[in-house]
N, C-alpha and C. Protein backbone atom coordinates (compact mmCIF):
# COMPACT_ATOMS: atom_id res chain seq x y z
N ALA A 1 110.74 100.52 154.86
CA ALA A 1 111.67 100.35 153.77
C ALA A 1 112.28 101.76 153.32
N GLU A 2 111.44 102.76 153.41
CA GLU A 2 112.01 104.03 153.13
C GLU A 2 112.96 104.51 154.20
N GLY A 3 112.78 104.14 155.39
CA GLY A 3 113.56 104.45 156.55
C GLY A 3 114.94 103.75 156.34
N ALA A 4 114.91 102.48 155.91
CA ALA A 4 116.10 101.75 155.60
C ALA A 4 117.02 102.44 154.63
N PHE A 5 116.37 102.84 153.60
CA PHE A 5 117.04 103.49 152.47
C PHE A 5 117.69 104.82 152.91
N ALA A 6 117.01 105.56 153.84
CA ALA A 6 117.54 106.79 154.39
C ALA A 6 118.86 106.47 155.30
N LEU A 7 118.62 105.40 156.13
CA LEU A 7 119.74 105.07 157.03
C LEU A 7 121.02 104.60 156.31
N MET A 8 120.88 103.76 155.22
CA MET A 8 121.95 103.36 154.54
C MET A 8 122.56 104.44 153.68
N GLY A 9 121.80 105.29 153.22
CA GLY A 9 122.31 106.46 152.38
C GLY A 9 123.00 107.41 153.24
N ALA A 10 122.80 107.49 154.48
CA ALA A 10 123.40 108.48 155.38
C ALA A 10 124.91 107.98 155.76
N GLY A 11 125.16 106.65 155.57
CA GLY A 11 126.47 106.18 155.83
C GLY A 11 126.69 105.72 157.26
N LEU A 12 125.56 105.54 157.96
CA LEU A 12 125.76 105.09 159.45
C LEU A 12 126.35 103.71 159.46
N PRO A 13 127.09 103.36 160.47
CA PRO A 13 127.75 102.09 160.67
C PRO A 13 126.72 100.97 160.98
N VAL A 14 125.93 100.61 160.16
CA VAL A 14 124.79 99.69 160.44
C VAL A 14 125.30 98.29 160.44
N ALA A 15 125.10 97.57 161.57
CA ALA A 15 125.47 96.17 161.63
C ALA A 15 124.31 95.20 161.29
N ARG A 16 123.16 95.51 161.70
CA ARG A 16 121.98 94.73 161.32
C ARG A 16 120.82 95.79 161.11
N LEU A 17 119.96 95.48 160.02
CA LEU A 17 118.91 96.32 159.72
C LEU A 17 117.74 95.31 159.14
N GLU A 18 116.72 95.20 159.88
CA GLU A 18 115.72 94.23 159.59
C GLU A 18 114.35 94.86 159.59
N LEU A 19 113.49 94.62 158.56
CA LEU A 19 112.14 95.05 158.47
C LEU A 19 111.23 93.89 158.92
N VAL A 20 110.20 94.26 159.75
CA VAL A 20 109.12 93.35 160.14
C VAL A 20 107.87 94.02 159.80
N ASP A 21 107.05 93.52 158.84
CA ASP A 21 105.93 94.30 158.48
C ASP A 21 104.80 94.17 159.52
N GLU A 22 103.64 94.94 159.40
CA GLU A 22 102.60 95.06 160.41
C GLU A 22 101.89 93.63 160.51
N ARG A 23 101.88 92.87 159.48
CA ARG A 23 101.21 91.50 159.62
C ARG A 23 102.03 90.59 160.45
N ALA A 24 103.36 90.77 160.31
CA ALA A 24 104.27 89.95 161.18
C ALA A 24 104.24 90.42 162.63
N VAL A 25 104.11 91.71 162.89
CA VAL A 25 104.08 92.34 164.25
C VAL A 25 102.83 91.77 164.87
N ALA A 26 101.70 91.80 164.09
CA ALA A 26 100.52 91.26 164.79
C ALA A 26 100.55 89.86 165.23
N ALA A 27 101.24 88.95 164.39
CA ALA A 27 101.37 87.60 164.75
C ALA A 27 102.27 87.44 165.96
N VAL A 28 103.39 88.29 165.94
CA VAL A 28 104.27 88.21 167.14
C VAL A 28 103.65 88.57 168.42
N ASN A 29 102.76 89.53 168.36
CA ASN A 29 102.04 90.00 169.44
C ASN A 29 101.15 88.81 170.03
N ARG A 30 100.45 88.15 169.11
CA ARG A 30 99.69 86.95 169.58
C ARG A 30 100.47 85.81 170.09
N HIS A 31 101.62 85.58 169.40
CA HIS A 31 102.49 84.44 169.74
C HIS A 31 103.27 84.65 171.10
N LEU A 32 103.71 85.88 171.28
CA LEU A 32 104.53 86.19 172.45
C LEU A 32 103.89 86.96 173.50
N GLY A 33 102.58 87.32 173.31
CA GLY A 33 101.83 88.09 174.29
C GLY A 33 102.44 89.50 174.42
N ARG A 34 102.92 90.08 173.38
CA ARG A 34 103.49 91.49 173.32
C ARG A 34 102.39 92.41 172.91
N SER A 35 102.71 93.73 173.06
CA SER A 35 101.75 94.76 172.68
C SER A 35 102.38 95.76 171.85
N TYR A 36 103.24 95.36 170.93
CA TYR A 36 103.84 96.25 169.89
C TYR A 36 102.82 96.88 169.10
N PRO A 37 102.96 98.24 168.73
CA PRO A 37 102.01 98.91 167.76
C PRO A 37 102.06 98.01 166.42
N GLU A 38 100.91 97.75 165.95
CA GLU A 38 100.81 96.82 164.79
C GLU A 38 100.97 97.64 163.46
N ARG A 39 102.19 98.14 163.40
CA ARG A 39 102.69 98.96 162.27
C ARG A 39 104.04 98.37 161.82
N PRO A 40 104.52 98.75 160.58
CA PRO A 40 105.79 98.20 160.20
C PRO A 40 106.95 98.56 161.20
N LEU A 41 107.85 97.59 161.48
CA LEU A 41 108.83 97.78 162.44
C LEU A 41 110.26 97.65 161.79
N LEU A 42 111.05 98.57 162.13
CA LEU A 42 112.54 98.45 161.59
C LEU A 42 113.43 98.26 162.79
N LEU A 43 114.19 97.19 162.78
CA LEU A 43 115.16 97.01 163.86
C LEU A 43 116.56 97.34 163.42
N VAL A 44 117.22 98.10 164.12
CA VAL A 44 118.59 98.64 163.69
C VAL A 44 119.64 98.34 164.80
N GLU A 45 120.84 97.92 164.41
CA GLU A 45 121.90 97.77 165.31
C GLU A 45 123.19 98.36 164.76
N PHE A 46 123.93 99.03 165.41
CA PHE A 46 125.23 99.73 165.00
C PHE A 46 126.46 99.06 165.33
N HIS A 47 127.46 99.18 164.43
CA HIS A 47 128.79 98.84 164.74
C HIS A 47 129.42 100.04 165.49
N SER A 48 129.50 100.06 166.77
CA SER A 48 129.97 101.25 167.54
C SER A 48 130.87 100.81 168.66
N SER A 49 131.88 101.54 168.91
CA SER A 49 132.92 101.18 169.93
C SER A 49 132.65 101.80 171.32
N THR A 50 131.84 102.89 171.36
CA THR A 50 131.65 103.55 172.69
C THR A 50 130.14 103.89 172.88
N PRO A 51 129.70 103.98 174.10
CA PRO A 51 128.35 104.40 174.38
C PRO A 51 128.04 105.71 173.81
N GLU A 52 129.02 106.66 173.77
CA GLU A 52 128.67 107.99 173.24
C GLU A 52 128.48 107.90 171.73
N ALA A 53 129.20 106.96 170.99
CA ALA A 53 128.95 106.84 169.52
C ALA A 53 127.57 106.20 169.34
N VAL A 54 127.21 105.26 170.12
CA VAL A 54 125.83 104.69 169.97
C VAL A 54 124.73 105.71 170.18
N GLN A 55 125.01 106.57 171.20
CA GLN A 55 123.99 107.59 171.46
C GLN A 55 123.86 108.63 170.37
N ALA A 56 124.90 109.03 169.81
CA ALA A 56 124.89 110.02 168.68
C ALA A 56 124.29 109.37 167.41
N GLU A 57 124.73 108.12 167.15
CA GLU A 57 124.15 107.41 165.93
C GLU A 57 122.70 107.20 166.13
N SER A 58 122.24 106.80 167.36
CA SER A 58 120.84 106.57 167.57
C SER A 58 120.02 107.94 167.41
N ALA A 59 120.51 108.98 167.86
CA ALA A 59 119.87 110.26 167.76
C ALA A 59 119.70 110.71 166.24
N PHE A 60 120.83 110.45 165.48
CA PHE A 60 120.78 110.75 164.05
C PHE A 60 119.76 109.84 163.32
N ALA A 61 119.81 108.45 163.67
CA ALA A 61 118.88 107.58 163.09
C ALA A 61 117.41 107.92 163.33
N GLU A 62 117.17 108.32 164.61
CA GLU A 62 115.74 108.71 164.94
C GLU A 62 115.30 109.85 164.03
N GLU A 63 116.13 110.88 163.82
CA GLU A 63 115.87 112.04 162.99
C GLU A 63 115.50 111.51 161.59
N LEU A 64 116.31 110.72 161.12
CA LEU A 64 116.17 110.24 159.70
C LEU A 64 114.82 109.38 159.58
N LEU A 65 114.63 108.52 160.61
CA LEU A 65 113.41 107.68 160.55
C LEU A 65 112.16 108.45 160.64
N ARG A 66 112.22 109.44 161.56
CA ARG A 66 110.92 110.25 161.63
C ARG A 66 110.61 111.05 160.37
N GLU A 67 111.69 111.49 159.75
CA GLU A 67 111.51 112.12 158.45
C GLU A 67 110.84 111.12 157.35
N ALA A 68 111.21 109.81 157.64
CA ALA A 68 110.63 108.81 156.68
C ALA A 68 109.30 108.37 157.08
N GLY A 69 108.79 108.91 158.21
CA GLY A 69 107.39 108.51 158.63
C GLY A 69 107.32 107.74 159.89
N ALA A 70 108.38 107.47 160.64
CA ALA A 70 108.25 106.78 161.88
C ALA A 70 107.39 107.41 162.89
N THR A 71 106.58 106.65 163.58
CA THR A 71 105.71 107.22 164.60
C THR A 71 106.15 106.96 165.98
N GLY A 72 107.18 106.08 166.14
CA GLY A 72 107.73 105.77 167.50
C GLY A 72 109.21 105.39 167.29
N PHE A 73 109.89 105.44 168.42
CA PHE A 73 111.35 105.12 168.38
C PHE A 73 111.71 104.66 169.82
N ASP A 74 112.34 103.41 169.85
CA ASP A 74 112.75 102.87 171.15
C ASP A 74 114.19 102.35 171.05
N ALA A 75 115.03 102.88 171.88
CA ALA A 75 116.51 102.49 171.86
C ALA A 75 116.71 101.59 173.11
N ALA A 76 117.35 100.40 172.79
CA ALA A 76 117.74 99.44 173.86
C ALA A 76 119.03 100.04 174.49
N ARG A 77 118.97 99.90 175.84
CA ARG A 77 120.10 100.40 176.67
C ARG A 77 120.74 99.34 177.51
N THR A 78 120.25 98.14 177.43
CA THR A 78 120.84 97.01 178.15
C THR A 78 120.81 95.79 177.26
N PRO A 79 121.64 94.68 177.46
CA PRO A 79 121.55 93.53 176.69
C PRO A 79 120.17 92.92 176.81
N GLU A 80 119.53 92.99 177.96
CA GLU A 80 118.13 92.39 178.09
C GLU A 80 117.15 93.04 177.04
N GLU A 81 117.29 94.46 177.12
CA GLU A 81 116.39 95.22 176.23
C GLU A 81 116.63 94.90 174.73
N ARG A 82 117.98 94.74 174.45
CA ARG A 82 118.23 94.43 172.98
C ARG A 82 117.73 93.05 172.60
N THR A 83 117.86 92.06 173.47
CA THR A 83 117.35 90.69 173.28
C THR A 83 115.89 90.73 173.02
N ALA A 84 115.11 91.44 173.85
CA ALA A 84 113.69 91.51 173.82
C ALA A 84 113.27 92.19 172.52
N GLN A 85 113.97 93.19 172.03
CA GLN A 85 113.62 93.81 170.77
C GLN A 85 113.85 92.96 169.63
N TRP A 86 114.97 92.16 169.58
CA TRP A 86 115.30 91.32 168.43
C TRP A 86 114.40 90.04 168.39
N GLU A 87 113.76 89.72 169.51
CA GLU A 87 112.89 88.60 169.59
C GLU A 87 111.74 88.77 168.58
N ALA A 88 111.35 89.95 168.36
CA ALA A 88 110.25 90.17 167.34
C ALA A 88 110.59 89.75 165.96
N ARG A 89 111.89 89.81 165.60
CA ARG A 89 112.36 89.33 164.31
C ARG A 89 112.62 87.84 164.43
N HIS A 90 113.32 87.34 165.41
CA HIS A 90 113.72 85.94 165.43
C HIS A 90 112.44 85.04 165.60
N GLN A 91 111.35 85.51 166.16
CA GLN A 91 110.11 84.61 166.34
C GLN A 91 109.09 84.92 165.28
N ALA A 92 109.45 85.69 164.27
CA ALA A 92 108.33 85.99 163.32
C ALA A 92 107.87 84.87 162.49
N TYR A 93 108.74 83.94 162.08
CA TYR A 93 108.37 82.80 161.37
C TYR A 93 107.47 81.83 162.28
N TRP A 94 107.87 81.61 163.37
CA TRP A 94 107.13 80.74 164.27
C TRP A 94 105.80 81.31 164.67
N ALA A 95 105.69 82.70 164.71
CA ALA A 95 104.45 83.35 165.01
C ALA A 95 103.51 83.06 163.96
N LEU A 96 103.95 83.07 162.68
CA LEU A 96 103.11 82.84 161.52
C LEU A 96 102.64 81.37 161.55
N VAL A 97 103.61 80.40 161.87
CA VAL A 97 103.18 79.10 161.92
C VAL A 97 102.13 78.77 162.97
N HIS A 98 102.18 79.43 164.13
CA HIS A 98 101.21 79.30 165.14
C HIS A 98 99.90 79.94 164.82
N THR A 99 100.04 81.00 164.00
CA THR A 99 98.72 81.66 163.53
C THR A 99 98.01 80.79 162.50
N PHE A 100 98.70 80.12 161.62
CA PHE A 100 98.11 79.30 160.56
C PHE A 100 98.65 77.95 160.61
N PRO A 101 98.33 77.19 161.68
CA PRO A 101 98.84 75.84 161.86
C PRO A 101 98.32 74.87 160.72
N GLY A 102 99.18 74.01 160.36
CA GLY A 102 98.87 72.96 159.43
C GLY A 102 98.96 73.25 157.93
N ARG A 103 99.43 74.59 157.66
CA ARG A 103 99.58 74.97 156.32
C ARG A 103 100.96 74.63 155.74
N HIS A 104 101.08 74.90 154.50
CA HIS A 104 102.39 74.81 153.84
C HIS A 104 103.04 76.33 153.87
N TYR A 105 104.25 76.39 154.18
CA TYR A 105 104.79 77.75 154.35
C TYR A 105 105.90 77.97 153.18
N MET A 106 105.53 78.85 152.41
CA MET A 106 106.54 79.17 151.31
C MET A 106 107.28 80.50 151.62
N ILE A 107 108.55 80.48 151.53
CA ILE A 107 109.42 81.61 151.78
C ILE A 107 110.06 82.07 150.53
N THR A 108 109.74 83.31 150.15
CA THR A 108 110.35 83.90 148.91
C THR A 108 111.63 84.65 149.33
N ASP A 109 112.43 84.93 148.27
CA ASP A 109 113.80 85.44 148.54
C ASP A 109 114.22 86.24 147.31
N THR A 110 113.94 87.53 147.30
CA THR A 110 114.47 88.33 146.25
C THR A 110 115.27 89.51 146.80
N ALA A 111 116.06 90.22 145.93
CA ALA A 111 116.78 91.41 146.35
C ALA A 111 116.75 92.35 145.23
N VAL A 112 116.64 93.66 145.58
CA VAL A 112 116.66 94.68 144.51
C VAL A 112 117.63 95.79 144.99
N PRO A 113 118.05 96.74 144.09
CA PRO A 113 118.80 97.90 144.50
C PRO A 113 118.07 98.60 145.61
N LEU A 114 118.80 99.14 146.54
CA LEU A 114 118.18 99.71 147.80
C LEU A 114 117.27 100.76 147.49
N SER A 115 117.49 101.51 146.42
CA SER A 115 116.56 102.61 146.07
C SER A 115 115.23 102.13 145.60
N GLU A 116 115.16 100.79 145.15
CA GLU A 116 113.93 100.18 144.70
C GLU A 116 113.18 99.43 145.82
N MET A 117 113.77 99.36 146.91
CA MET A 117 113.16 98.50 148.04
C MET A 117 111.79 98.94 148.49
N PRO A 118 111.64 100.25 148.78
CA PRO A 118 110.29 100.69 149.27
C PRO A 118 109.17 100.26 148.19
N GLY A 119 109.30 100.44 146.96
CA GLY A 119 108.36 100.13 145.91
C GLY A 119 108.21 98.64 145.83
N MET A 120 109.34 97.88 146.04
CA MET A 120 109.20 96.43 145.99
C MET A 120 108.38 95.83 147.08
N VAL A 121 108.68 96.40 148.26
CA VAL A 121 107.86 95.86 149.47
C VAL A 121 106.42 96.20 149.28
N ARG A 122 106.09 97.38 148.83
CA ARG A 122 104.69 97.75 148.53
C ARG A 122 104.06 96.85 147.52
N TYR A 123 104.83 96.55 146.42
CA TYR A 123 104.33 95.60 145.40
C TYR A 123 104.02 94.32 146.00
N ALA A 124 104.82 93.84 146.85
CA ALA A 124 104.66 92.43 147.45
C ALA A 124 103.43 92.37 148.33
N GLN A 125 103.18 93.46 149.01
CA GLN A 125 101.98 93.41 150.00
C GLN A 125 100.75 93.49 149.07
N GLU A 126 100.73 94.37 148.07
CA GLU A 126 99.58 94.59 147.23
C GLU A 126 99.31 93.26 146.41
N LEU A 127 100.33 92.65 145.97
CA LEU A 127 100.21 91.31 145.19
C LEU A 127 99.60 90.24 146.11
N MET A 128 100.07 90.23 147.37
CA MET A 128 99.62 89.21 148.33
C MET A 128 98.13 89.41 148.48
N ASP A 129 97.62 90.60 148.62
CA ASP A 129 96.25 90.82 148.77
C ASP A 129 95.50 90.51 147.57
N GLU A 130 96.05 90.81 146.33
CA GLU A 130 95.40 90.62 145.07
C GLU A 130 95.06 89.16 144.91
N LEU A 131 96.08 88.24 145.30
CA LEU A 131 95.97 86.84 145.17
C LEU A 131 95.33 86.14 146.30
N GLY A 132 94.81 86.95 147.36
CA GLY A 132 94.15 86.32 148.42
C GLY A 132 94.89 85.47 149.28
N LEU A 133 96.22 85.82 149.52
CA LEU A 133 97.10 85.02 150.29
C LEU A 133 97.32 85.63 151.68
N GLU A 134 97.66 84.73 152.66
CA GLU A 134 97.94 85.24 153.96
C GLU A 134 99.43 85.05 154.31
N GLY A 135 100.12 86.09 154.86
CA GLY A 135 101.48 85.81 155.12
C GLY A 135 102.06 87.21 155.61
N ASN A 136 103.38 87.34 155.60
CA ASN A 136 103.96 88.58 156.06
C ASN A 136 105.31 88.81 155.32
N ILE A 137 105.92 89.93 155.59
CA ILE A 137 107.19 90.32 155.00
C ILE A 137 108.20 90.52 156.09
N LEU A 138 109.38 90.03 155.84
CA LEU A 138 110.60 90.16 156.73
C LEU A 138 111.75 90.57 155.77
N GLY A 139 112.73 91.32 156.26
CA GLY A 139 113.77 91.71 155.32
C GLY A 139 115.03 92.14 155.92
N HIS A 140 116.10 91.61 155.30
CA HIS A 140 117.44 92.14 155.57
C HIS A 140 117.67 93.40 154.69
N VAL A 141 116.76 94.44 155.03
CA VAL A 141 116.62 95.52 154.04
C VAL A 141 117.88 96.37 153.89
N GLY A 142 118.92 96.24 154.67
CA GLY A 142 120.11 96.99 154.56
C GLY A 142 120.80 96.73 153.20
N ASP A 143 120.57 95.46 152.79
CA ASP A 143 121.26 95.07 151.48
C ASP A 143 120.27 94.83 150.40
N GLY A 144 118.98 95.32 150.53
CA GLY A 144 118.01 95.17 149.52
C GLY A 144 117.36 93.89 149.55
N ASN A 145 117.54 93.01 150.39
CA ASN A 145 117.01 91.59 150.36
C ASN A 145 115.85 91.45 151.30
N PHE A 146 114.79 90.86 150.92
CA PHE A 146 113.54 90.59 151.75
C PHE A 146 112.94 89.37 151.44
N HIS A 147 112.22 88.83 152.43
CA HIS A 147 111.46 87.55 152.28
C HIS A 147 109.97 87.79 152.55
N THR A 148 109.13 86.99 151.82
CA THR A 148 107.74 87.00 152.23
C THR A 148 107.41 85.54 152.57
N ILE A 149 106.81 85.38 153.67
CA ILE A 149 106.35 84.02 154.20
C ILE A 149 104.92 83.93 153.93
N VAL A 150 104.52 82.99 153.12
CA VAL A 150 103.16 82.72 152.74
C VAL A 150 102.67 81.56 153.41
N ALA A 151 101.52 81.51 154.10
CA ALA A 151 100.90 80.34 154.74
C ALA A 151 99.74 79.91 153.82
N ALA A 152 100.01 78.87 152.98
CA ALA A 152 98.99 78.44 151.98
C ALA A 152 98.55 77.03 152.23
N ARG A 153 97.24 76.88 152.01
CA ARG A 153 96.61 75.57 152.03
C ARG A 153 96.96 74.80 150.79
N PRO A 154 97.13 73.47 150.84
CA PRO A 154 97.41 72.74 149.64
C PRO A 154 96.36 72.91 148.53
N GLY A 155 96.76 72.71 147.38
CA GLY A 155 95.81 72.92 146.27
C GLY A 155 95.90 74.23 145.61
N ASP A 156 94.79 74.80 145.28
CA ASP A 156 94.75 76.01 144.54
C ASP A 156 95.42 77.19 145.20
N GLU A 157 95.35 77.20 146.58
CA GLU A 157 95.97 78.30 147.26
C GLU A 157 97.46 78.17 147.20
N TYR A 158 97.93 76.99 147.21
CA TYR A 158 99.43 76.77 147.09
C TYR A 158 99.88 77.09 145.66
N ALA A 159 99.05 76.84 144.71
CA ALA A 159 99.36 77.26 143.27
C ALA A 159 99.48 78.78 143.18
N ARG A 160 98.59 79.53 143.83
CA ARG A 160 98.64 80.92 143.89
C ARG A 160 99.88 81.52 144.60
N ALA A 161 100.37 80.77 145.60
CA ALA A 161 101.61 81.07 146.25
C ALA A 161 102.76 80.95 145.27
N GLU A 162 102.74 79.87 144.57
CA GLU A 162 103.82 79.68 143.50
C GLU A 162 103.71 80.88 142.46
N ALA A 163 102.61 81.28 142.11
CA ALA A 163 102.46 82.29 141.16
C ALA A 163 103.03 83.66 141.75
N PHE A 164 102.74 83.85 143.03
CA PHE A 164 103.10 84.99 143.88
C PHE A 164 104.69 85.03 143.73
N SER A 165 105.26 83.92 144.08
CA SER A 165 106.75 83.91 144.12
C SER A 165 107.39 84.23 142.77
N ALA A 166 106.77 83.69 141.76
CA ALA A 166 107.28 83.88 140.38
C ALA A 166 107.11 85.38 139.97
N ARG A 167 105.97 85.99 140.31
CA ARG A 167 105.77 87.35 139.98
C ARG A 167 106.78 88.28 140.75
N LEU A 168 107.07 87.95 141.95
CA LEU A 168 108.07 88.70 142.69
C LEU A 168 109.41 88.69 141.97
N VAL A 169 109.83 87.41 141.52
CA VAL A 169 111.13 87.33 140.92
C VAL A 169 111.10 88.18 139.61
N GLU A 170 110.03 88.10 138.83
CA GLU A 170 109.89 88.84 137.68
C GLU A 170 110.06 90.37 137.85
N ARG A 171 109.40 90.86 138.97
CA ARG A 171 109.48 92.25 139.22
C ARG A 171 110.93 92.61 139.67
N ALA A 172 111.55 91.76 140.50
CA ALA A 172 112.94 92.05 140.97
C ALA A 172 113.92 92.15 139.87
N LEU A 173 113.77 91.27 138.85
CA LEU A 173 114.60 91.31 137.64
C LEU A 173 114.38 92.59 136.82
N GLU A 174 113.11 93.00 136.71
CA GLU A 174 112.79 94.15 135.96
C GLU A 174 113.47 95.46 136.66
N LEU A 175 113.66 95.38 137.95
CA LEU A 175 114.22 96.51 138.70
C LEU A 175 115.71 96.39 138.85
N GLY A 176 116.33 95.44 138.20
CA GLY A 176 117.82 95.34 138.27
C GLY A 176 118.21 94.52 139.43
N GLY A 177 117.30 93.74 139.96
CA GLY A 177 117.70 92.90 141.19
C GLY A 177 118.02 91.48 140.83
N THR A 178 117.85 90.55 141.74
CA THR A 178 118.21 89.15 141.60
C THR A 178 117.08 88.22 142.05
N ALA A 179 117.11 87.06 141.43
CA ALA A 179 116.09 86.12 141.77
C ALA A 179 116.24 85.50 143.24
N THR A 180 117.41 85.60 143.71
CA THR A 180 117.67 85.11 145.12
C THR A 180 118.70 85.93 145.78
N GLY A 181 118.37 86.47 146.91
CA GLY A 181 119.34 87.21 147.66
C GLY A 181 120.26 86.52 148.54
N GLU A 182 119.78 85.31 149.10
CA GLU A 182 120.75 84.54 149.91
C GLU A 182 120.28 83.07 150.02
N HIS A 183 119.05 82.65 149.61
CA HIS A 183 118.65 81.25 149.74
C HIS A 183 119.38 80.36 148.63
N GLY A 184 119.80 80.93 147.56
CA GLY A 184 120.34 80.20 146.54
C GLY A 184 119.47 79.77 145.30
N VAL A 185 120.04 79.43 144.24
CA VAL A 185 119.31 79.03 143.08
C VAL A 185 118.71 77.60 143.16
N GLY A 186 119.56 76.65 143.46
CA GLY A 186 119.14 75.37 143.51
C GLY A 186 118.42 74.85 142.29
N LEU A 187 117.20 74.26 142.46
CA LEU A 187 116.45 73.71 141.34
C LEU A 187 115.37 74.67 140.93
N ARG A 188 114.70 75.30 141.95
CA ARG A 188 113.52 76.13 141.63
C ARG A 188 113.73 77.39 140.81
N LYS A 189 114.94 77.92 140.96
CA LYS A 189 115.20 79.20 140.26
C LYS A 189 116.18 79.17 139.13
N ARG A 190 116.46 77.91 138.71
CA ARG A 190 117.34 77.76 137.41
C ARG A 190 116.73 78.45 136.25
N LYS A 191 115.39 78.44 136.11
CA LYS A 191 114.75 78.97 134.97
C LYS A 191 114.94 80.50 134.72
N TYR A 192 115.39 81.15 135.85
CA TYR A 192 115.63 82.64 135.78
C TYR A 192 117.06 83.01 135.44
N MET A 193 117.97 82.01 135.48
CA MET A 193 119.34 82.30 135.41
C MET A 193 119.78 83.01 134.07
N ALA A 194 119.20 82.49 132.94
CA ALA A 194 119.55 83.12 131.67
C ALA A 194 119.07 84.48 131.53
N ARG A 195 117.85 84.80 131.94
CA ARG A 195 117.38 86.12 131.99
C ARG A 195 118.24 87.08 132.82
N GLU A 196 118.65 86.56 134.04
CA GLU A 196 119.44 87.41 134.98
C GLU A 196 120.81 87.64 134.55
N HIS A 197 121.41 86.60 134.04
CA HIS A 197 122.90 86.75 133.82
C HIS A 197 123.23 86.87 132.33
N GLY A 198 122.41 86.45 131.40
CA GLY A 198 122.76 86.62 129.97
C GLY A 198 123.89 85.82 129.61
N PRO A 199 124.81 86.44 128.75
CA PRO A 199 125.98 85.73 128.30
C PRO A 199 126.90 85.21 129.37
N ALA A 200 126.83 85.85 130.58
CA ALA A 200 127.67 85.37 131.65
C ALA A 200 127.39 83.88 132.00
N LEU A 201 126.23 83.43 131.66
CA LEU A 201 125.85 82.12 132.02
C LEU A 201 126.81 81.02 131.35
N GLY A 202 127.22 81.41 130.14
CA GLY A 202 128.15 80.53 129.46
C GLY A 202 129.45 80.41 130.23
N TRP A 203 129.90 81.50 130.79
CA TRP A 203 131.16 81.49 131.62
C TRP A 203 130.99 80.67 132.84
N MET A 204 129.83 80.78 133.45
CA MET A 204 129.62 79.87 134.64
C MET A 204 129.60 78.43 134.33
N ARG A 205 129.18 78.10 133.12
CA ARG A 205 129.17 76.64 132.77
C ARG A 205 130.60 76.23 132.57
N ARG A 206 131.37 77.14 131.94
CA ARG A 206 132.81 76.75 131.65
C ARG A 206 133.56 76.61 133.00
N ILE A 207 133.35 77.49 133.94
CA ILE A 207 134.02 77.36 135.21
C ILE A 207 133.55 76.08 135.94
N LYS A 208 132.26 75.85 135.89
CA LYS A 208 131.78 74.57 136.39
C LYS A 208 132.49 73.31 135.84
N ALA A 209 132.54 73.33 134.50
CA ALA A 209 133.21 72.17 133.86
C ALA A 209 134.65 72.01 134.15
N ALA A 210 135.33 73.19 134.32
CA ALA A 210 136.87 73.18 134.62
C ALA A 210 137.09 72.67 136.04
N LEU A 211 136.22 72.94 136.99
CA LEU A 211 136.42 72.62 138.37
C LEU A 211 135.75 71.25 138.68
N ASP A 212 134.68 70.91 137.91
CA ASP A 212 133.96 69.65 138.13
C ASP A 212 133.72 68.91 136.98
N PRO A 213 134.77 68.41 136.26
CA PRO A 213 134.49 67.86 134.91
C PRO A 213 133.65 66.59 134.91
N GLU A 214 133.53 65.96 135.97
CA GLU A 214 132.57 64.80 136.07
C GLU A 214 131.26 65.10 136.58
N ASN A 215 130.98 66.38 136.79
CA ASN A 215 129.70 66.84 137.25
C ASN A 215 129.19 66.07 138.63
N LEU A 216 130.12 66.00 139.46
CA LEU A 216 129.69 65.36 140.78
C LEU A 216 129.17 66.28 141.73
N LEU A 217 129.37 67.53 141.69
CA LEU A 217 129.01 68.49 142.69
C LEU A 217 127.65 69.12 142.40
N ASN A 218 126.67 68.80 143.20
CA ASN A 218 125.26 69.30 143.01
C ASN A 218 124.87 69.19 141.51
N PRO A 219 124.96 68.00 140.94
CA PRO A 219 124.52 67.78 139.56
C PRO A 219 123.09 68.29 139.33
N GLY A 220 122.87 69.11 138.20
CA GLY A 220 121.61 69.51 137.79
C GLY A 220 121.09 70.77 138.38
N LYS A 221 121.87 71.30 139.38
CA LYS A 221 121.34 72.45 140.13
C LYS A 221 122.00 73.64 139.55
N VAL A 222 121.45 74.84 139.84
CA VAL A 222 121.93 76.23 139.51
C VAL A 222 121.86 76.42 138.02
N LEU A 223 122.56 75.73 137.19
CA LEU A 223 122.76 75.93 135.84
C LEU A 223 121.66 75.30 135.04
N PRO A 224 120.82 75.96 134.26
CA PRO A 224 119.80 75.30 133.45
C PRO A 224 120.43 74.40 132.36
N GLU A 225 119.68 73.45 131.91
CA GLU A 225 120.17 72.62 130.78
C GLU A 225 120.37 73.50 129.56
């Protein structure tokens, strides 16, 4: 997360920037038969028009990431190498499902200002341990958005997962972030809208009423009663 903050602050032309934490890497290794070092992994892809630009950007990125604590760096040079690298991110959810079959999988979705991302990720890992939950962290960390996937058994453990999600939202709002980075408000996060948006919520209701006077579009969602 600290490396992601450094990359974005440097103004590099980042196309994709994804965090896969060490728990997810361990699950991917088991699921895909890989041997990645079981440490946090940051996947980076650049918007670049020439091989020379990619090489220069990669060299600068490595410098920044090593300053942030990176212990290894691997640059893909062929489409096949790139696909293999990104597979660690694309398969992370299914790796967790295969690690904990038969459980319920809760995916959280919060976003914070990028400067707060390292602390927020650390908080999520510590909170997961505090509540005795199993799961991992994935993140579109270039825009401050990250997800925690919790594999919970029905009953008390799932109730703890619900509490975990709620506390993540509370912390995100304290840090000036949002209850949902991309998954949407729907029904589950309506209760946070007044705290997050304040007086603007009234304007949202007016716009909704103006465009949908008969309340036909997603009735009951997003806007609290």
